[in-house]
Amino acid sequence: LDYGRKIADGTFAEVSSDVRVIEAYLGKGAVKAG
């Protein structure tokens, strides 16, 4: 969840590698840097 909305649903591997989830935790800058 992020800001009350569901942004990902799946296995741990799928969700932990989802770009939207990474952005929610680390910010868009972290995704671009990666």
PDB file of all heavy atoms in Angstrom:
ATOM      1  N   LEU A   1       0.844  -1.194   0.000  1.00  0.00           N
ATOM      2  CA  LEU A   1       0.000   0.000   0.000  1.00  0.00           C
ATOM      3  C   LEU A   1       0.878   1.241   0.000  1.00  0.00           C
ATOM      4  O   LEU A   1       1.978   1.234   0.550  1.00  0.00           O
ATOM      5  CB  LEU A   1      -0.915   0.032   1.235  1.00  0.00           C
ATOM      6  CG  LEU A   1      -1.906  -1.106   1.459  1.00  0.00           C
ATOM      7  CD1 LEU A   1      -2.714  -0.838   2.726  1.00  0.00           C
ATOM      8  CD2 LEU A   1      -2.836  -1.279   0.264  1.00  0.00           C
ATOM      9  N   ASP A   2       0.369   2.298  -0.583  1.00  0.00           N
ATOM     10  CA  ASP A   2       1.026   3.609  -0.511  1.00  0.00           C
ATOM     11  C   ASP A   2      -0.047   4.673  -0.632  1.00  0.00           C
ATOM     12  O   ASP A   2      -0.875   4.629  -1.553  1.00  0.00           O
ATOM     13  CB  ASP A   2       2.060   3.760  -1.633  1.00  0.00           C
ATOM     14  CG  ASP A   2       2.939   4.993  -1.428  1.00  0.00           C
ATOM     15  OD1 ASP A   2       3.193   5.345  -0.263  1.00  0.00           O
ATOM     16  OD2 ASP A   2       3.364   5.593  -2.440  1.00  0.00           O
ATOM     17  N   TYR A   3      -0.062   5.612   0.307  1.00  0.00           N
ATOM     18  CA  TYR A   3      -1.087   6.662   0.345  1.00  0.00           C
ATOM     19  C   TYR A   3      -2.491   6.071   0.242  1.00  0.00           C
ATOM     20  O   TYR A   3      -3.368   6.625  -0.422  1.00  0.00           O
ATOM     21  CB  TYR A   3      -0.860   7.681  -0.771  1.00  0.00           C
ATOM     22  CG  TYR A   3       0.388   8.503  -0.590  1.00  0.00           C
ATOM     23  CD1 TYR A   3       1.499   8.299  -1.398  1.00  0.00           C
ATOM     24  CD2 TYR A   3       0.473   9.477   0.412  1.00  0.00           C
ATOM     25  CE1 TYR A   3       2.665   9.037  -1.232  1.00  0.00           C
ATOM     26  CE2 TYR A   3       1.614  10.227   0.589  1.00  0.00           C
ATOM     27  CZ  TYR A   3       2.716  10.010  -0.236  1.00  0.00           C
ATOM     28  OH  TYR A   3       3.863  10.756  -0.057  1.00  0.00           O
ATOM     29  N   GLY A   4      -2.695   4.949   0.925  1.00  0.00           N
ATOM     30  CA  GLY A   4      -4.014   4.349   0.992  1.00  0.00           C
ATOM     31  C   GLY A   4      -4.420   3.516  -0.198  1.00  0.00           C
ATOM     32  O   GLY A   4      -5.501   2.923  -0.203  1.00  0.00           O
ATOM     33  N   ARG A   5      -3.574   3.428  -1.205  1.00  0.00           N
ATOM     34  CA  ARG A   5      -3.908   2.667  -2.414  1.00  0.00           C
ATOM     35  C   ARG A   5      -3.051   1.419  -2.527  1.00  0.00           C
ATOM     36  O   ARG A   5      -1.892   1.418  -2.133  1.00  0.00           O
ATOM     37  CB  ARG A   5      -3.702   3.532  -3.662  1.00  0.00           C
ATOM     38  CG  ARG A   5      -4.634   4.731  -3.716  1.00  0.00           C
ATOM     39  CD  ARG A   5      -4.406   5.518  -5.002  1.00  0.00           C
ATOM     40  NE  ARG A   5      -5.305   6.673  -5.087  1.00  0.00           N
ATOM     41  CZ  ARG A   5      -5.310   7.529  -6.100  1.00  0.00           C
ATOM     42  NH1 ARG A   5      -4.459   7.366  -7.111  1.00  0.00           N
ATOM     43  NH2 ARG A   5      -6.165   8.534  -6.103  1.00  0.00           N
ATOM     44  N   LYS A   6      -3.632   0.368  -3.101  1.00  0.00           N
ATOM     45  CA  LYS A   6      -2.857  -0.840  -3.363  1.00  0.00           C
ATOM     46  C   LYS A   6      -2.033  -0.619  -4.620  1.00  0.00           C
ATOM     47  O   LYS A   6      -2.571  -0.318  -5.678  1.00  0.00           O
ATOM     48  CB  LYS A   6      -3.776  -2.050  -3.535  1.00  0.00           C
ATOM     49  CG  LYS A   6      -3.017  -3.359  -3.692  1.00  0.00           C
ATOM     50  CD  LYS A   6      -3.934  -4.564  -3.632  1.00  0.00           C
ATOM     51  CE  LYS A   6      -4.727  -4.732  -4.910  1.00  0.00           C
ATOM     52  NZ  LYS A   6      -5.453  -6.021  -4.934  1.00  0.00           N
ATOM     53  N   ILE A   7      -0.714  -0.784  -4.492  1.00  0.00           N
ATOM     54  CA  ILE A   7       0.155  -0.539  -5.642  1.00  0.00           C
ATOM     55  C   ILE A   7       0.824  -1.811  -6.161  1.00  0.00           C
ATOM     56  O   ILE A   7       1.413  -1.793  -7.244  1.00  0.00           O
ATOM     57  CB  ILE A   7       1.249   0.505  -5.300  1.00  0.00           C
ATOM     58  CG1 ILE A   7       2.106   0.034  -4.113  1.00  0.00           C
ATOM     59  CG2 ILE A   7       0.617   1.864  -5.019  1.00  0.00           C
ATOM     60  CD1 ILE A   7       3.310   0.929  -3.837  1.00  0.00           C
ATOM     61  N   ALA A   8       0.745  -2.908  -5.402  1.00  0.00           N
ATOM     62  CA  ALA A   8       1.349  -4.153  -5.867  1.00  0.00           C
ATOM     63  C   ALA A   8       0.714  -5.322  -5.124  1.00  0.00           C
ATOM     64  O   ALA A   8       0.288  -5.192  -3.983  1.00  0.00           O
ATOM     65  CB  ALA A   8       2.863  -4.158  -5.655  1.00  0.00           C
ATOM     66  N   ASP A   9       0.667  -6.494  -5.791  1.00  0.00           N
ATOM     67  CA  ASP A   9       0.061  -7.695  -5.220  1.00  0.00           C
ATOM     68  C   ASP A   9       0.720  -8.893  -5.904  1.00  0.00           C
ATOM     69  O   ASP A   9       0.636  -9.038  -7.122  1.00  0.00           O
ATOM     70  CB  ASP A   9      -1.443  -7.681  -5.465  1.00  0.00           C
ATOM     71  CG  ASP A   9      -2.175  -8.832  -4.772  1.00  0.00           C
ATOM     72  OD1 ASP A   9      -1.535  -9.842  -4.448  1.00  0.00           O
ATOM     73  OD2 ASP A   9      -3.401  -8.717  -4.575  1.00  0.00           O
ATOM     74  N   GLY A  10       1.412  -9.739  -5.135  1.00  0.00           N
ATOM     75  CA  GLY A  10       2.063 -10.895  -5.729  1.00  0.00           C
ATOM     76  C   GLY A  10       2.965 -11.595  -4.747  1.00  0.00           C
ATOM     77  O   GLY A  10       2.819 -11.444  -3.525  1.00  0.00           O
ATOM     78  N   THR A  11       3.904 -12.363  -5.241  1.00  0.00           N
ATOM     79  CA  THR A  11       4.874 -13.017  -4.370  1.00  0.00           C
ATOM     80  C   THR A  11       5.830 -11.982  -3.790  1.00  0.00           C
ATOM     81  O   THR A  11       5.887 -10.835  -4.265  1.00  0.00           O
ATOM     82  CB  THR A  11       5.694 -14.057  -5.148  1.00  0.00           C
ATOM     83  OG1 THR A  11       6.481 -13.379  -6.147  1.00  0.00           O
ATOM     84  CG2 THR A  11       4.784 -15.076  -5.827  1.00  0.00           C
ATOM     85  N   PHE A  12       6.599 -12.396  -2.788  1.00  0.00           N
ATOM     86  CA  PHE A  12       7.570 -11.473  -2.202  1.00  0.00           C
ATOM     87  C   PHE A  12       8.548 -10.981  -3.259  1.00  0.00           C
ATOM     88  O   PHE A  12       8.863  -9.788  -3.321  1.00  0.00           O
ATOM     89  CB  PHE A  12       8.331 -12.149  -1.061  1.00  0.00           C
ATOM     90  CG  PHE A  12       9.418 -11.283  -0.482  1.00  0.00           C
ATOM     91  CD1 PHE A  12       9.108 -10.306   0.460  1.00  0.00           C
ATOM     92  CD2 PHE A  12      10.740 -11.427  -0.885  1.00  0.00           C
ATOM     93  CE1 PHE A  12      10.104  -9.494   0.990  1.00  0.00           C
ATOM     94  CE2 PHE A  12      11.738 -10.618  -0.361  1.00  0.00           C
ATOM     95  CZ  PHE A  12      11.418  -9.651   0.579  1.00  0.00           C
ATOM     96  N   ALA A  13       9.042 -11.887  -4.098  1.00  0.00           N
ATOM     97  CA  ALA A  13      10.008 -11.499  -5.126  1.00  0.00           C
ATOM     98  C   ALA A  13       9.406 -10.494  -6.100  1.00  0.00           C
ATOM     99  O   ALA A  13      10.055  -9.508  -6.482  1.00  0.00           O
ATOM    100  CB  ALA A  13      10.494 -12.738  -5.878  1.00  0.00           C
ATOM    101  N   GLU A  14       8.150 -10.726  -6.485  1.00  0.00           N
ATOM    102  CA  GLU A  14       7.493  -9.827  -7.430  1.00  0.00           C
ATOM    103  C   GLU A  14       7.279  -8.443  -6.830  1.00  0.00           C
ATOM    104  O   GLU A  14       7.560  -7.423  -7.462  1.00  0.00           O
ATOM    105  CB  GLU A  14       6.150 -10.420  -7.868  1.00  0.00           C
ATOM    106  CG  GLU A  14       6.276 -11.659  -8.746  1.00  0.00           C
ATOM    107  CD  GLU A  14       4.963 -12.391  -8.912  1.00  0.00           C
ATOM    108  OE1 GLU A  14       4.031 -12.155  -8.099  1.00  0.00           O
ATOM    109  OE2 GLU A  14       4.863 -13.216  -9.839  1.00  0.00           O
ATOM    110  N   VAL A  15       6.778  -8.406  -5.600  1.00  0.00           N
ATOM    111  CA  VAL A  15       6.447  -7.124  -4.974  1.00  0.00           C
ATOM    112  C   VAL A  15       7.704  -6.361  -4.590  1.00  0.00           C
ATOM    113  O   VAL A  15       7.792  -5.140  -4.776  1.00  0.00           O
ATOM    114  CB  VAL A  15       5.525  -7.341  -3.758  1.00  0.00           C
ATOM    115  CG1 VAL A  15       5.328  -6.038  -2.986  1.00  0.00           C
ATOM    116  CG2 VAL A  15       4.178  -7.892  -4.213  1.00  0.00           C
ATOM    117  N   SER A  16       8.702  -7.044  -4.065  1.00  0.00           N
ATOM    118  CA  SER A  16       9.912  -6.352  -3.616  1.00  0.00           C
ATOM    119  C   SER A  16      10.710  -5.766  -4.776  1.00  0.00           C
ATOM    120  O   SER A  16      11.513  -4.846  -4.568  1.00  0.00           O
ATOM    121  CB  SER A  16      10.807  -7.302  -2.816  1.00  0.00           C
ATOM    122  OG  SER A  16      11.239  -8.397  -3.607  1.00  0.00           O
ATOM    123  N   SER A  17      10.485  -6.266  -5.986  1.00  0.00           N
ATOM    124  CA  SER A  17      11.195  -5.733  -7.149  1.00  0.00           C
ATOM    125  C   SER A  17      10.328  -4.795  -7.980  1.00  0.00           C
ATOM    126  O   SER A  17      10.784  -4.281  -9.010  1.00  0.00           O
ATOM    127  CB  SER A  17      11.690  -6.882  -8.039  1.00  0.00           C
ATOM    128  OG  SER A  17      10.602  -7.654  -8.522  1.00  0.00           O
ATOM    129  N   ASP A  18       9.098  -4.564  -7.531  1.00  0.00           N
ATOM    130  CA  ASP A  18       8.193  -3.684  -8.265  1.00  0.00           C
ATOM    131  C   ASP A  18       8.671  -2.230  -8.146  1.00  0.00           C
ATOM    132  O   ASP A  18       8.930  -1.738  -7.048  1.00  0.00           O
ATOM    133  CB  ASP A  18       6.774  -3.825  -7.700  1.00  0.00           C
ATOM    134  CG  ASP A  18       5.719  -3.133  -8.554  1.00  0.00           C
ATOM    135  OD1 ASP A  18       5.753  -1.887  -8.653  1.00  0.00           O
ATOM    136  OD2 ASP A  18       4.857  -3.826  -9.110  1.00  0.00           O
ATOM    137  N   VAL A  19       8.748  -1.547  -9.265  1.00  0.00           N
ATOM    138  CA  VAL A  19       9.251  -0.169  -9.284  1.00  0.00           C
ATOM    139  C   VAL A  19       8.421   0.741  -8.397  1.00  0.00           C
ATOM    140  O   VAL A  19       8.946   1.611  -7.697  1.00  0.00           O
ATOM    141  CB  VAL A  19       9.279   0.366 -10.735  1.00  0.00           C
ATOM    142  CG1 VAL A  19       9.599   1.860 -10.740  1.00  0.00           C
ATOM    143  CG2 VAL A  19      10.301  -0.393 -11.557  1.00  0.00           C
ATOM    144  N   ARG A  20       7.090   0.534  -8.386  1.00  0.00           N
ATOM    145  CA  ARG A  20       6.219   1.391  -7.574  1.00  0.00           C
ATOM    146  C   ARG A  20       6.489   1.200  -6.080  1.00  0.00           C
ATOM    147  O   ARG A  20       6.411   2.153  -5.293  1.00  0.00           O
ATOM    148  CB  ARG A  20       4.758   1.102  -7.887  1.00  0.00           C
ATOM    149  CG  ARG A  20       4.320   1.486  -9.298  1.00  0.00           C
ATOM    150  CD  ARG A  20       2.974   0.891  -9.634  1.00  0.00           C
ATOM    151  NE  ARG A  20       3.030  -0.575  -9.601  1.00  0.00           N
ATOM    152  CZ  ARG A  20       1.972  -1.362  -9.823  1.00  0.00           C
ATOM    153  NH1 ARG A  20       0.782  -0.822 -10.064  1.00  0.00           N
ATOM    154  NH2 ARG A  20       2.092  -2.671  -9.792  1.00  0.00           N
ATOM    155  N   VAL A  21       6.799  -0.012  -5.697  1.00  0.00           N
ATOM    156  CA  VAL A  21       7.098  -0.288  -4.290  1.00  0.00           C
ATOM    157  C   VAL A  21       8.437   0.334  -3.909  1.00  0.00           C
ATOM    158  O   VAL A  21       8.573   0.945  -2.842  1.00  0.00           O
ATOM    159  CB  VAL A  21       7.111  -1.808  -4.030  1.00  0.00           C
ATOM    160  CG1 VAL A  21       7.520  -2.105  -2.583  1.00  0.00           C
ATOM    161  CG2 VAL A  21       5.737  -2.399  -4.315  1.00  0.00           C
ATOM    162  N   ILE A  22       9.433   0.205  -4.766  1.00  0.00           N
ATOM    163  CA  ILE A  22      10.747   0.801  -4.505  1.00  0.00           C
ATOM    164  C   ILE A  22      10.621   2.316  -4.399  1.00  0.00           C
ATOM    165  O   ILE A  22      11.211   2.955  -3.520  1.00  0.00           O
ATOM    166  CB  ILE A  22      11.739   0.408  -5.611  1.00  0.00           C
ATOM    167  CG1 ILE A  22      11.955  -1.115  -5.605  1.00  0.00           C
ATOM    168  CG2 ILE A  22      13.069   1.131  -5.425  1.00  0.00           C
ATOM    169  CD1 ILE A  22      12.727  -1.633  -6.784  1.00  0.00           C
ATOM    170  N   GLU A  23       9.826   2.917  -5.275  1.00  0.00           N
ATOM    171  CA  GLU A  23       9.602   4.369  -5.211  1.00  0.00           C
ATOM    172  C   GLU A  23       8.930   4.762  -3.903  1.00  0.00           C
ATOM    173  O   GLU A  23       9.267   5.787  -3.300  1.00  0.00           O
ATOM    174  CB  GLU A  23       8.751   4.818  -6.390  1.00  0.00           C
ATOM    175  CG  GLU A  23       9.460   4.824  -7.732  1.00  0.00           C
ATOM    176  CD  GLU A  23       8.543   5.306  -8.854  1.00  0.00           C
ATOM    177  OE1 GLU A  23       7.318   5.453  -8.611  1.00  0.00           O
ATOM    178  OE2 GLU A  23       9.049   5.534  -9.958  1.00  0.00           O
ATOM    179  N   ALA A  24       7.957   3.961  -3.456  1.00  0.00           N
ATOM    180  CA  ALA A  24       7.228   4.281  -2.228  1.00  0.00           C
ATOM    181  C   ALA A  24       8.155   4.318  -1.023  1.00  0.00           C
ATOM    182  O   ALA A  24       8.017   5.166  -0.131  1.00  0.00           O
ATOM    183  CB  ALA A  24       6.109   3.258  -2.005  1.00  0.00           C
ATOM    184  N   TYR A  25       9.135   3.409  -0.993  1.00  0.00           N
ATOM    185  CA  TYR A  25      10.044   3.320   0.155  1.00  0.00           C
ATOM    186  C   TYR A  25      11.232   4.268   0.015  1.00  0.00           C
ATOM    187  O   TYR A  25      11.691   4.862   0.994  1.00  0.00           O
ATOM    188  CB  TYR A  25      10.566   1.890   0.297  1.00  0.00           C
ATOM    189  CG  TYR A  25       9.637   0.981   1.075  1.00  0.00           C
ATOM    190  CD1 TYR A  25       8.807   0.085   0.412  1.00  0.00           C
ATOM    191  CD2 TYR A  25       9.590   1.010   2.456  1.00  0.00           C
ATOM    192  CE1 TYR A  25       7.956  -0.759   1.110  1.00  0.00           C
ATOM    193  CE2 TYR A  25       8.751   0.174   3.180  1.00  0.00           C
ATOM    194  CZ  TYR A  25       7.936  -0.716   2.494  1.00  0.00           C
ATOM    195  OH  TYR A  25       7.094  -1.544   3.200  1.00  0.00           O
ATOM    196  N   LEU A  26      11.761   4.393  -1.193  1.00  0.00           N
ATOM    197  CA  LEU A  26      13.033   5.102  -1.370  1.00  0.00           C
ATOM    198  C   LEU A  26      12.933   6.380  -2.176  1.00  0.00           C
ATOM    199  O   LEU A  26      13.870   7.181  -2.200  1.00  0.00           O
ATOM    200  CB  LEU A  26      14.055   4.170  -2.064  1.00  0.00           C
ATOM    201  CG  LEU A  26      14.365   2.857  -1.331  1.00  0.00           C
ATOM    202  CD1 LEU A  26      15.320   2.017  -2.154  1.00  0.00           C
ATOM    203  CD2 LEU A  26      14.931   3.123   0.059  1.00  0.00           C
ATOM    204  N   GLY A  27      11.800   6.598  -2.863  1.00  0.00           N
ATOM    205  CA  GLY A  27      11.644   7.798  -3.684  1.00  0.00           C
ATOM    206  C   GLY A  27      12.033   7.536  -5.133  1.00  0.00           C
ATOM    207  O   GLY A  27      12.778   6.614  -5.446  1.00  0.00           O
ATOM    208  N   LYS A  28      11.516   8.364  -6.022  1.00  0.00           N
ATOM    209  CA  LYS A  28      11.777   8.185  -7.458  1.00  0.00           C
ATOM    210  C   LYS A  28      13.248   8.343  -7.786  1.00  0.00           C
ATOM    211  O   LYS A  28      13.766   7.729  -8.698  1.00  0.00           O
ATOM    212  CB  LYS A  28      10.938   9.177  -8.259  1.00  0.00           C
ATOM    213  CG  LYS A  28       9.433   8.908  -8.195  1.00  0.00           C
ATOM    214  CD  LYS A  28       8.656   9.852  -9.085  1.00  0.00           C
ATOM    215  CE  LYS A  28       7.156   9.528  -9.028  1.00  0.00           C
ATOM    216  NZ  LYS A  28       6.373  10.440  -9.912  1.00  0.00           N
ATOM    217  N   GLY A  29      13.942   9.207  -7.039  1.00  0.00           N
ATOM    218  CA  GLY A  29      15.362   9.430  -7.317  1.00  0.00           C
ATOM    219  C   GLY A  29      16.165   8.159  -7.160  1.00  0.00           C
ATOM    220  O   GLY A  29      17.095   7.897  -7.926  1.00  0.00           O
ATOM    221  N   ALA A  30      15.787   7.333  -6.162  1.00  0.00           N
ATOM    222  CA  ALA A  30      16.506   6.088  -5.944  1.00  0.00           C
ATOM    223  C   ALA A  30      16.310   5.125  -7.108  1.00  0.00           C
ATOM    224  O   ALA A  30      17.223   4.401  -7.501  1.00  0.00           O
ATOM    225  CB  ALA A  30      16.053   5.436  -4.646  1.00  0.00           C
ATOM    226  N   VAL A  31      15.087   5.120  -7.672  1.00  0.00           N
ATOM    227  CA  VAL A  31      14.804   4.248  -8.809  1.00  0.00           C
ATOM    228  C   VAL A  31      15.628   4.674 -10.030  1.00  0.00           C
ATOM    229  O   VAL A  31      16.238   3.873 -10.718  1.00  0.00           O
ATOM    230  CB  VAL A  31      13.294   4.239  -9.137  1.00  0.00           C
ATOM    231  CG1 VAL A  31      13.038   3.412 -10.401  1.00  0.00           C
ATOM    232  CG2 VAL A  31      12.503   3.698  -7.974  1.00  0.00           C
ATOM    233  N   LYS A  32      15.683   5.998 -10.281  1.00  0.00           N
ATOM    234  CA  LYS A  32      16.441   6.492 -11.435  1.00  0.00           C
ATOM    235  C   LYS A  32      17.934   6.214 -11.255  1.00  0.00           C
ATOM    236  O   LYS A  32      18.630   5.878 -12.198  1.00  0.00           O
ATOM    237  CB  LYS A  32      16.204   8.004 -11.588  1.00  0.00           C
ATOM    238  CG  LYS A  32      14.781   8.345 -12.010  1.00  0.00           C
ATOM    239  CD  LYS A  32      14.595   9.853 -12.100  1.00  0.00           C
ATOM    240  CE  LYS A  32      13.158  10.204 -12.498  1.00  0.00           C
ATOM    241  NZ  LYS A  32      12.943  11.668 -12.552  1.00  0.00           N
ATOM    242  N   ALA A  33      18.401   6.371  -9.994  1.00  0.00           N
ATOM    243  CA  ALA A  33      19.814   6.129  -9.735  1.00  0.00           C
ATOM    244  C   ALA A  33      20.181   4.663  -9.953  1.00  0.00           C
ATOM    245  O   ALA A  33      21.294   4.340 -10.363  1.00  0.00           O
ATOM    246  CB  ALA A  33      20.160   6.540  -8.304  1.00  0.00           C
ATOM    247  N   GLY A  34      19.171   3.770  -9.640  1.00  0.00           N
ATOM    248  CA  GLY A  34      19.437   2.364  -9.829  1.00  0.00           C
ATOM    249  C   GLY A  34      19.481   1.982 -11.281  1.00  0.00           C
ATOM    250  O   GLY A  34      20.018   0.948 -11.655  1.00  0.00           O
TER     251      GLY A  34
END
